[in-house]
Structure formats: C-alpha cells, structure tokens
Amino acid sequence: MNRPKAIHHVSMIVADRQRSRDFYEGILGLEVSERPDLGFPGLWLQIGGQQIHLLELPNPDPVVGRPEHGGRDRHLAMSIGDVEALAARLEREGIAFSRSKSGRPALFCRDPDGNALEFIGEERT
C-alpha cells in the first residue's frame, strides 16, 4: 500500500502577513523560506523538515466562540526543546497561554489570528 509518509506542510489563513511574521519569526524563531509568486500574499516558514504556509486572505474563521483552551480546538502541535523558556517568552510578550491538561510538559497559545498552537516539550534523559 502506498501510504503517506510524513506531513509536508500545514496551511493556515492569516489576515496580516507582517503581523504573523512578527509572531512566527520574531517570537517563535521560525525561519522564513523562499516562496514562489502564487498570485496572493503569503509566507512559508521552515520547521524541521516541514513547513507552515501562512495564506494572507480575509479570515473566514471567527475568533469569538472558539474553545478557550487550544487543546479543544483544531490546532498545530510542534515539538520544542524547552517549554519553560517559551512560556517565559510568551509572558514577556503579553501572549496568553495555557498548560496541557494532561500534566505533560506542553502549552497552548494562539497566533494573532486565533489559530491554536501546541508546543510539546522534548523528553530530557
């Protein structure tokens, strides 16, 4: 059977590409990748061997009425080396976040467009 082997990229709709770049590159430290001209504005970000594609379009997803905890909403989950360092950075930037309800080292926040993000701490041995 020819099954999918990996996730290549995740696309999310954003209202303001520069505001999103400030968040993903400036706060999270993701690297911007080259992107062809697709006829609409957007941004590609590298995360390991995968990418996040941010598509600048009028945002059809309402922010109001979404679950408060990102783990109960559709979300993108990423591995991160140090959850506590990210938590400190988010606090300094005034970005709200919540901890995983499971007790594992993970936290959830939302990007400037309300997209839910999960960051899972890597196990230390």
N, C-alpha and C. Protein backbone atom coordinates (compact mmCIF):
# COMPACT_ATOMS: atom_id res chain seq x y z
N MET A 1 0.84 -1.19 0.00
CA MET A 1 0.00 0.00 0.00
C MET A 1 0.88 1.24 0.00
N ASN A 2 0.52 2.22 -0.78
CA ASN A 2 1.27 3.46 -0.88
C ASN A 2 0.68 4.48 0.11
N ARG A 3 1.15 4.45 1.37
CA ARG A 3 0.61 5.31 2.42
C ARG A 3 1.41 6.60 2.54
N PRO A 4 0.79 7.66 3.02
CA PRO A 4 1.54 8.89 3.29
C PRO A 4 2.66 8.60 4.29
N LYS A 5 3.80 9.26 4.10
CA LYS A 5 4.98 9.02 4.94
C LYS A 5 5.23 10.10 5.97
N ALA A 6 4.81 11.32 5.69
CA ALA A 6 5.09 12.43 6.60
C ALA A 6 4.18 13.59 6.26
N ILE A 7 4.09 14.54 7.17
CA ILE A 7 3.38 15.78 6.89
C ILE A 7 4.38 16.72 6.24
N HIS A 8 4.04 17.23 5.07
CA HIS A 8 4.92 18.15 4.34
C HIS A 8 4.74 19.58 4.84
N HIS A 9 3.49 20.02 4.92
CA HIS A 9 3.23 21.37 5.44
C HIS A 9 1.80 21.45 5.97
N VAL A 10 1.57 22.48 6.74
CA VAL A 10 0.25 22.84 7.24
C VAL A 10 0.00 24.26 6.77
N SER A 11 -1.19 24.54 6.25
CA SER A 11 -1.54 25.90 5.82
C SER A 11 -2.54 26.48 6.80
N MET A 12 -2.34 27.76 7.11
CA MET A 12 -3.27 28.48 7.98
C MET A 12 -3.55 29.84 7.35
N ILE A 13 -4.76 30.31 7.51
CA ILE A 13 -5.17 31.59 6.98
C ILE A 13 -4.84 32.68 7.99
N VAL A 14 -4.22 33.75 7.50
CA VAL A 14 -3.90 34.90 8.35
C VAL A 14 -4.40 36.17 7.67
N ALA A 15 -4.69 37.18 8.46
CA ALA A 15 -5.21 38.44 7.92
C ALA A 15 -4.10 39.42 7.56
N ASP A 16 -2.96 39.33 8.25
CA ASP A 16 -1.89 40.30 8.05
C ASP A 16 -0.55 39.55 8.09
N ARG A 17 0.04 39.40 6.92
CA ARG A 17 1.28 38.62 6.78
C ARG A 17 2.41 39.16 7.66
N GLN A 18 2.58 40.47 7.73
CA GLN A 18 3.67 41.04 8.52
C GLN A 18 3.45 40.80 10.01
N ARG A 19 2.22 40.98 10.48
CA ARG A 19 1.91 40.73 11.89
C ARG A 19 2.19 39.26 12.22
N SER A 20 1.83 38.35 11.31
CA SER A 20 2.09 36.93 11.52
C SER A 20 3.58 36.64 11.48
N ARG A 21 4.31 37.30 10.58
CA ARG A 21 5.76 37.11 10.51
C ARG A 21 6.41 37.56 11.81
N ASP A 22 5.96 38.68 12.35
CA ASP A 22 6.50 39.15 13.64
C ASP A 22 6.32 38.10 14.73
N PHE A 23 5.19 37.41 14.71
CA PHE A 23 4.93 36.37 15.71
C PHE A 23 5.75 35.11 15.45
N TYR A 24 5.61 34.54 14.26
CA TYR A 24 6.25 33.25 13.97
C TYR A 24 7.77 33.35 13.87
N GLU A 25 8.27 34.39 13.26
CA GLU A 25 9.72 34.54 13.14
C GLU A 25 10.30 35.26 14.36
N GLY A 26 9.67 36.37 14.75
CA GLY A 26 10.21 37.18 15.83
C GLY A 26 10.07 36.57 17.21
N ILE A 27 8.93 35.98 17.50
CA ILE A 27 8.70 35.42 18.84
C ILE A 27 9.04 33.93 18.90
N LEU A 28 8.59 33.15 17.91
CA LEU A 28 8.84 31.71 17.94
C LEU A 28 10.19 31.33 17.34
N GLY A 29 10.79 32.21 16.55
CA GLY A 29 12.12 31.93 15.99
C GLY A 29 12.13 31.05 14.76
N LEU A 30 11.00 30.90 14.07
CA LEU A 30 10.98 30.08 12.86
C LEU A 30 11.64 30.82 11.70
N GLU A 31 12.23 30.06 10.81
CA GLU A 31 12.94 30.63 9.66
C GLU A 31 11.99 30.76 8.47
N VAL A 32 12.03 31.92 7.81
CA VAL A 32 11.22 32.14 6.62
C VAL A 32 11.89 31.47 5.43
N SER A 33 11.11 30.74 4.63
CA SER A 33 11.60 30.06 3.43
C SER A 33 11.21 30.83 2.19
N GLU A 34 11.92 30.57 1.10
CA GLU A 34 11.57 31.18 -0.17
C GLU A 34 10.22 30.66 -0.62
N ARG A 35 9.43 31.53 -1.22
CA ARG A 35 8.07 31.18 -1.66
C ARG A 35 7.87 31.71 -3.07
N PRO A 36 7.35 30.89 -3.98
CA PRO A 36 7.08 31.39 -5.33
C PRO A 36 5.91 32.36 -5.32
N ASP A 37 5.79 33.15 -6.38
CA ASP A 37 4.65 34.05 -6.53
C ASP A 37 3.43 33.21 -6.90
N LEU A 38 2.49 33.12 -5.99
CA LEU A 38 1.29 32.30 -6.20
C LEU A 38 0.07 33.14 -6.53
N GLY A 39 0.26 34.44 -6.69
CA GLY A 39 -0.85 35.30 -7.03
C GLY A 39 -1.60 35.86 -5.84
N PHE A 40 -1.18 35.53 -4.65
CA PHE A 40 -1.74 36.09 -3.42
C PHE A 40 -0.63 36.13 -2.39
N PRO A 41 -0.71 37.04 -1.43
CA PRO A 41 0.36 37.15 -0.43
C PRO A 41 0.35 35.98 0.55
N GLY A 42 1.52 35.65 1.02
CA GLY A 42 1.65 34.58 2.00
C GLY A 42 3.08 34.50 2.47
N LEU A 43 3.34 33.50 3.29
CA LEU A 43 4.65 33.33 3.91
C LEU A 43 4.84 31.84 4.17
N TRP A 44 6.02 31.33 3.85
CA TRP A 44 6.36 29.96 4.17
C TRP A 44 7.42 29.97 5.27
N LEU A 45 7.20 29.14 6.28
CA LEU A 45 8.11 29.04 7.42
C LEU A 45 8.63 27.61 7.52
N GLN A 46 9.90 27.48 7.81
CA GLN A 46 10.52 26.17 7.94
C GLN A 46 10.46 25.73 9.40
N ILE A 47 10.08 24.48 9.61
CA ILE A 47 10.08 23.91 10.96
C ILE A 47 10.58 22.47 10.82
N GLY A 48 11.86 22.27 11.11
CA GLY A 48 12.49 20.99 10.85
C GLY A 48 12.43 20.72 9.36
N GLY A 49 12.01 19.53 8.97
CA GLY A 49 11.88 19.19 7.57
C GLY A 49 10.51 19.53 6.99
N GLN A 50 9.67 20.16 7.78
CA GLN A 50 8.32 20.51 7.34
C GLN A 50 8.18 22.03 7.24
N GLN A 51 7.02 22.45 6.77
CA GLN A 51 6.76 23.88 6.64
C GLN A 51 5.37 24.23 7.18
N ILE A 52 5.24 25.51 7.53
CA ILE A 52 3.95 26.12 7.81
C ILE A 52 3.74 27.14 6.70
N HIS A 53 2.62 27.04 6.00
CA HIS A 53 2.29 28.00 4.96
C HIS A 53 1.22 28.94 5.51
N LEU A 54 1.53 30.21 5.57
CA LEU A 54 0.58 31.21 6.02
C LEU A 54 0.00 31.88 4.77
N LEU A 55 -1.32 31.83 4.62
CA LEU A 55 -2.01 32.36 3.46
C LEU A 55 -2.75 33.63 3.87
N GLU A 56 -2.34 34.76 3.30
CA GLU A 56 -3.00 36.02 3.65
C GLU A 56 -4.27 36.19 2.82
N LEU A 57 -5.38 35.97 3.48
CA LEU A 57 -6.70 36.06 2.87
C LEU A 57 -7.66 36.62 3.92
N PRO A 58 -8.79 37.12 3.50
CA PRO A 58 -9.77 37.51 4.53
C PRO A 58 -10.05 36.28 5.40
N ASN A 59 -9.95 36.42 6.70
CA ASN A 59 -10.05 35.29 7.61
C ASN A 59 -11.51 34.86 7.80
N PRO A 60 -11.87 33.70 7.27
CA PRO A 60 -13.26 33.25 7.41
C PRO A 60 -13.56 32.61 8.76
N ASP A 61 -12.55 32.32 9.54
CA ASP A 61 -12.76 31.65 10.82
C ASP A 61 -13.03 32.68 11.91
N PRO A 62 -14.17 32.59 12.57
CA PRO A 62 -14.42 33.52 13.68
C PRO A 62 -13.50 33.22 14.85
N VAL A 63 -13.07 34.25 15.52
CA VAL A 63 -12.24 34.07 16.71
C VAL A 63 -13.15 33.92 17.93
N VAL A 64 -14.26 34.60 17.91
CA VAL A 64 -15.22 34.55 19.01
C VAL A 64 -15.91 33.19 19.02
N GLY A 65 -16.10 32.63 20.21
CA GLY A 65 -16.81 31.37 20.34
C GLY A 65 -15.95 30.14 20.20
N ARG A 66 -14.65 30.31 19.99
CA ARG A 66 -13.74 29.17 19.92
C ARG A 66 -13.44 28.71 21.35
N PRO A 67 -13.09 27.45 21.55
CA PRO A 67 -12.77 26.98 22.90
C PRO A 67 -11.62 27.80 23.51
N GLU A 68 -11.72 28.08 24.78
CA GLU A 68 -10.68 28.86 25.45
C GLU A 68 -9.34 28.12 25.42
N HIS A 69 -9.36 26.83 25.69
CA HIS A 69 -8.14 26.02 25.71
C HIS A 69 -7.89 25.49 24.29
N GLY A 70 -6.73 25.80 23.73
CA GLY A 70 -6.40 25.41 22.37
C GLY A 70 -6.42 23.92 22.11
N GLY A 71 -6.27 23.10 23.17
CA GLY A 71 -6.29 21.66 23.00
C GLY A 71 -7.66 21.13 22.63
N ARG A 72 -8.68 21.95 22.80
CA ARG A 72 -10.04 21.54 22.44
C ARG A 72 -10.47 22.15 21.12
N ASP A 73 -9.55 22.78 20.42
CA ASP A 73 -9.80 23.40 19.13
C ASP A 73 -8.89 22.72 18.11
N ARG A 74 -9.16 22.88 16.81
CA ARG A 74 -8.18 22.38 15.84
C ARG A 74 -6.89 23.15 16.07
N HIS A 75 -5.77 22.44 15.99
CA HIS A 75 -4.51 23.10 16.31
C HIS A 75 -3.34 22.41 15.64
N LEU A 76 -2.24 23.12 15.56
CA LEU A 76 -0.97 22.62 15.06
C LEU A 76 -0.10 22.36 16.27
N ALA A 77 0.46 21.16 16.38
CA ALA A 77 1.33 20.81 17.50
C ALA A 77 2.77 20.72 17.01
N MET A 78 3.69 21.33 17.78
CA MET A 78 5.11 21.35 17.44
C MET A 78 5.92 20.89 18.63
N SER A 79 7.01 20.17 18.37
CA SER A 79 7.95 19.81 19.42
C SER A 79 8.84 21.01 19.70
N ILE A 80 9.21 21.17 20.95
CA ILE A 80 10.10 22.27 21.33
C ILE A 80 11.02 21.77 22.43
N GLY A 81 12.24 22.26 22.45
CA GLY A 81 13.21 21.80 23.43
C GLY A 81 12.87 22.19 24.86
N ASP A 82 12.46 23.43 25.08
CA ASP A 82 12.27 23.94 26.44
C ASP A 82 10.95 24.70 26.54
N VAL A 83 9.95 24.04 27.06
CA VAL A 83 8.62 24.64 27.20
C VAL A 83 8.68 25.84 28.14
N GLU A 84 9.46 25.75 29.21
CA GLU A 84 9.50 26.83 30.19
C GLU A 84 10.14 28.09 29.61
N ALA A 85 11.13 27.95 28.74
CA ALA A 85 11.73 29.11 28.09
C ALA A 85 10.70 29.78 27.18
N LEU A 86 9.91 28.98 26.46
CA LEU A 86 8.86 29.55 25.62
C LEU A 86 7.80 30.23 26.48
N ALA A 87 7.42 29.61 27.59
CA ALA A 87 6.42 30.21 28.48
C ALA A 87 6.90 31.57 28.96
N ALA A 88 8.17 31.66 29.33
CA ALA A 88 8.72 32.95 29.78
C ALA A 88 8.68 33.98 28.66
N ARG A 89 9.00 33.57 27.44
CA ARG A 89 8.98 34.49 26.30
C ARG A 89 7.57 34.97 26.03
N LEU A 90 6.60 34.06 26.05
CA LEU A 90 5.21 34.45 25.82
C LEU A 90 4.72 35.42 26.89
N GLU A 91 5.10 35.17 28.14
CA GLU A 91 4.73 36.09 29.22
C GLU A 91 5.31 37.48 28.98
N ARG A 92 6.60 37.55 28.60
CA ARG A 92 7.24 38.84 28.33
C ARG A 92 6.53 39.59 27.21
N GLU A 93 6.04 38.85 26.22
CA GLU A 93 5.38 39.45 25.06
C GLU A 93 3.89 39.72 25.31
N GLY A 94 3.38 39.29 26.48
CA GLY A 94 1.97 39.50 26.80
C GLY A 94 1.02 38.59 26.03
N ILE A 95 1.52 37.42 25.64
CA ILE A 95 0.71 36.46 24.89
C ILE A 95 0.16 35.41 25.86
N ALA A 96 -1.15 35.31 25.92
CA ALA A 96 -1.80 34.35 26.82
C ALA A 96 -1.53 32.93 26.37
N PHE A 97 -1.38 32.04 27.34
CA PHE A 97 -1.20 30.62 27.06
C PHE A 97 -1.79 29.81 28.19
N SER A 98 -2.01 28.53 27.92
CA SER A 98 -2.47 27.62 28.97
C SER A 98 -1.61 26.37 28.92
N ARG A 99 -1.55 25.69 30.03
CA ARG A 99 -0.77 24.45 30.14
C ARG A 99 -1.63 23.26 29.71
N SER A 100 -0.97 22.20 29.31
CA SER A 100 -1.68 20.98 28.95
C SER A 100 -2.44 20.46 30.15
N LYS A 101 -3.66 20.03 29.93
CA LYS A 101 -4.49 19.46 31.00
C LYS A 101 -4.01 18.07 31.40
N SER A 102 -3.13 17.45 30.57
CA SER A 102 -2.65 16.09 30.84
C SER A 102 -1.53 16.06 31.87
N GLY A 103 -0.94 17.21 32.17
CA GLY A 103 0.19 17.24 33.09
C GLY A 103 1.54 17.09 32.41
N ARG A 104 1.55 16.78 31.12
CA ARG A 104 2.83 16.67 30.41
C ARG A 104 3.38 18.06 30.13
N PRO A 105 4.67 18.17 29.83
CA PRO A 105 5.24 19.49 29.56
C PRO A 105 4.81 20.00 28.18
N ALA A 106 3.70 20.71 28.16
CA ALA A 106 3.18 21.27 26.91
C ALA A 106 2.35 22.50 27.24
N LEU A 107 2.31 23.42 26.27
CA LEU A 107 1.46 24.59 26.44
C LEU A 107 0.79 24.94 25.13
N PHE A 108 -0.28 25.71 25.24
CA PHE A 108 -1.08 26.13 24.10
C PHE A 108 -1.17 27.65 24.09
N CYS A 109 -1.11 28.23 22.90
CA CYS A 109 -1.37 29.65 22.74
C CYS A 109 -2.05 29.83 21.39
N ARG A 110 -2.38 31.04 21.06
CA ARG A 110 -2.98 31.36 19.76
C ARG A 110 -2.12 32.39 19.05
N ASP A 111 -2.06 32.27 17.73
CA ASP A 111 -1.32 33.26 16.96
C ASP A 111 -2.20 34.51 16.83
N PRO A 112 -1.71 35.58 16.18
CA PRO A 112 -2.51 36.81 16.09
C PRO A 112 -3.87 36.65 15.42
N ASP A 113 -4.08 35.57 14.66
CA ASP A 113 -5.37 35.35 14.01
C ASP A 113 -6.24 34.34 14.74
N GLY A 114 -5.82 33.92 15.92
CA GLY A 114 -6.62 32.99 16.70
C GLY A 114 -6.37 31.53 16.39
N ASN A 115 -5.40 31.21 15.52
CA ASN A 115 -5.06 29.81 15.25
C ASN A 115 -4.41 29.21 16.49
N ALA A 116 -4.90 28.06 16.94
CA ALA A 116 -4.36 27.42 18.14
C ALA A 116 -3.07 26.68 17.83
N LEU A 117 -2.09 26.84 18.71
CA LEU A 117 -0.78 26.21 18.58
C LEU A 117 -0.47 25.46 19.87
N GLU A 118 0.08 24.27 19.74
CA GLU A 118 0.53 23.48 20.89
C GLU A 118 2.03 23.30 20.77
N PHE A 119 2.72 23.43 21.89
CA PHE A 119 4.17 23.21 21.95
C PHE A 119 4.44 22.13 22.98
N ILE A 120 5.01 21.02 22.52
CA ILE A 120 5.25 19.85 23.36
C ILE A 120 6.73 19.78 23.67
N GLY A 121 7.07 19.77 24.97
CA GLY A 121 8.47 19.69 25.38
C GLY A 121 9.08 18.34 25.07
N GLU A 122 10.32 18.38 24.62
CA GLU A 122 11.03 17.14 24.34
C GLU A 122 11.45 16.52 25.66
N GLU A 123 11.40 15.20 25.72
CA GLU A 123 11.81 14.46 26.92
C GLU A 123 13.30 14.66 27.17
N ARG A 124 13.65 14.91 28.39
CA ARG A 124 15.07 15.02 28.79
C ARG A 124 15.49 13.70 29.43
N THR A 125 16.62 13.15 29.01
CA THR A 125 17.09 11.90 29.60
C THR A 125 18.38 12.09 30.34
